[in-house]
């Protein structure tokens, strides 16, 4: 009998922006740019169709943020 897939459950769990931000940055390799709340809010604004329930999940958003983030770090510049 196979038990629950805890990694999958962790990855698919719906999270608030604050929770997602902490998990995203915590598990990110050192050389990758870090996300900020400002950048995540902008991502969510641009891709609202990915947020039907308003929440974030690692399985749906982590890779997309990794790809999007490097080209949008200028949003943090004054």
Protein backbone atom coordinates (compact mmCIF):
# COMPACT_ATOMS: atom_id res chain seq x y z
CA UNK A 1 0.00 0.00 0.00
CA UNK A 2 1.35 3.36 -1.03
CA UNK A 3 1.27 6.27 1.41
CA UNK A 4 0.55 9.90 0.60
CA UNK A 5 3.05 11.73 -1.60
CA UNK A 6 4.15 14.42 0.84
CA UNK A 7 6.40 16.20 -1.67
CA UNK A 8 3.53 16.51 -4.11
CA UNK A 9 1.17 17.74 -1.41
CA UNK A 10 3.75 20.32 -0.32
CA UNK A 11 4.24 21.49 -3.90
CA UNK A 12 0.54 21.70 -4.76
CA UNK A 13 -0.60 23.33 -1.52
CA UNK A 14 -2.21 26.74 -2.05
CA UNK A 15 -0.39 29.53 -0.22
CA UNK A 16 -0.55 33.23 0.46
CA UNK A 17 1.94 35.55 -1.21
CA UNK A 18 3.96 35.79 2.03
CA UNK A 19 4.14 32.00 2.40
CA UNK A 20 5.05 31.48 -1.24
CA UNK A 21 7.72 34.19 -1.12
CA UNK A 22 9.42 32.60 1.89
CA UNK A 23 9.37 29.10 0.39
CA UNK A 24 10.48 30.30 -3.04
CA UNK A 25 13.51 32.20 -1.73
CA UNK A 26 14.39 29.53 0.85
CA UNK A 27 14.81 26.73 -1.68
CA UNK A 28 16.41 28.83 -4.42
CA UNK A 29 20.04 28.25 -5.47
CA UNK A 30 22.36 31.06 -4.34
CA UNK A 31 23.07 32.38 -7.84
CA UNK A 32 19.39 32.93 -8.73
CA UNK A 33 17.79 36.35 -8.12
CA UNK A 34 15.50 36.52 -5.13
CA UNK A 35 11.84 37.39 -5.42
CA UNK A 36 10.28 40.24 -3.48
CA UNK A 37 6.68 40.98 -2.60
CA UNK A 38 6.74 43.90 -5.06
CA UNK A 39 7.82 41.64 -7.91
CA UNK A 40 5.31 38.94 -7.04
CA UNK A 41 2.47 41.47 -6.92
CA UNK A 42 3.49 42.67 -10.40
CA UNK A 43 3.68 39.10 -11.70
CA UNK A 44 0.22 38.39 -10.32
CA UNK A 45 -1.14 41.58 -11.91
CA UNK A 46 0.28 40.64 -15.32
CA UNK A 47 -0.78 36.99 -15.17
CA UNK A 48 -4.07 37.23 -13.30
CA UNK A 49 -5.43 34.23 -15.21
CA UNK A 50 -3.08 31.98 -13.19
CA UNK A 51 -4.74 33.06 -9.95
CA UNK A 52 -8.37 32.00 -10.17
CA UNK A 53 -8.42 31.44 -6.41
CA UNK A 54 -5.98 34.28 -5.63
CA UNK A 55 -3.39 31.92 -4.15
CA UNK A 56 0.08 30.71 -5.09
CA UNK A 57 1.49 27.19 -5.35
CA UNK A 58 5.05 26.02 -5.87
CA UNK A 59 4.09 23.54 -8.60
CA UNK A 60 2.29 26.13 -10.74
CA UNK A 61 4.27 29.31 -10.11
CA UNK A 62 7.86 28.52 -9.04
CA UNK A 63 9.32 27.76 -12.49
CA UNK A 64 7.32 30.56 -14.11
CA UNK A 65 8.68 33.08 -11.58
CA UNK A 66 12.23 31.77 -12.13
CA UNK A 67 11.88 32.41 -15.87
CA UNK A 68 10.12 35.78 -15.52
CA UNK A 69 12.15 37.31 -12.70
CA UNK A 70 15.54 38.07 -14.35
CA UNK A 71 13.94 40.30 -16.99
CA UNK A 72 11.91 42.23 -14.44
CA UNK A 73 14.37 43.10 -11.69
CA UNK A 74 14.40 46.66 -13.03
CA UNK A 75 11.02 47.11 -11.34
CA UNK A 76 12.96 47.45 -8.10
CA UNK A 77 15.15 50.29 -9.37
CA UNK A 78 14.28 53.83 -8.19
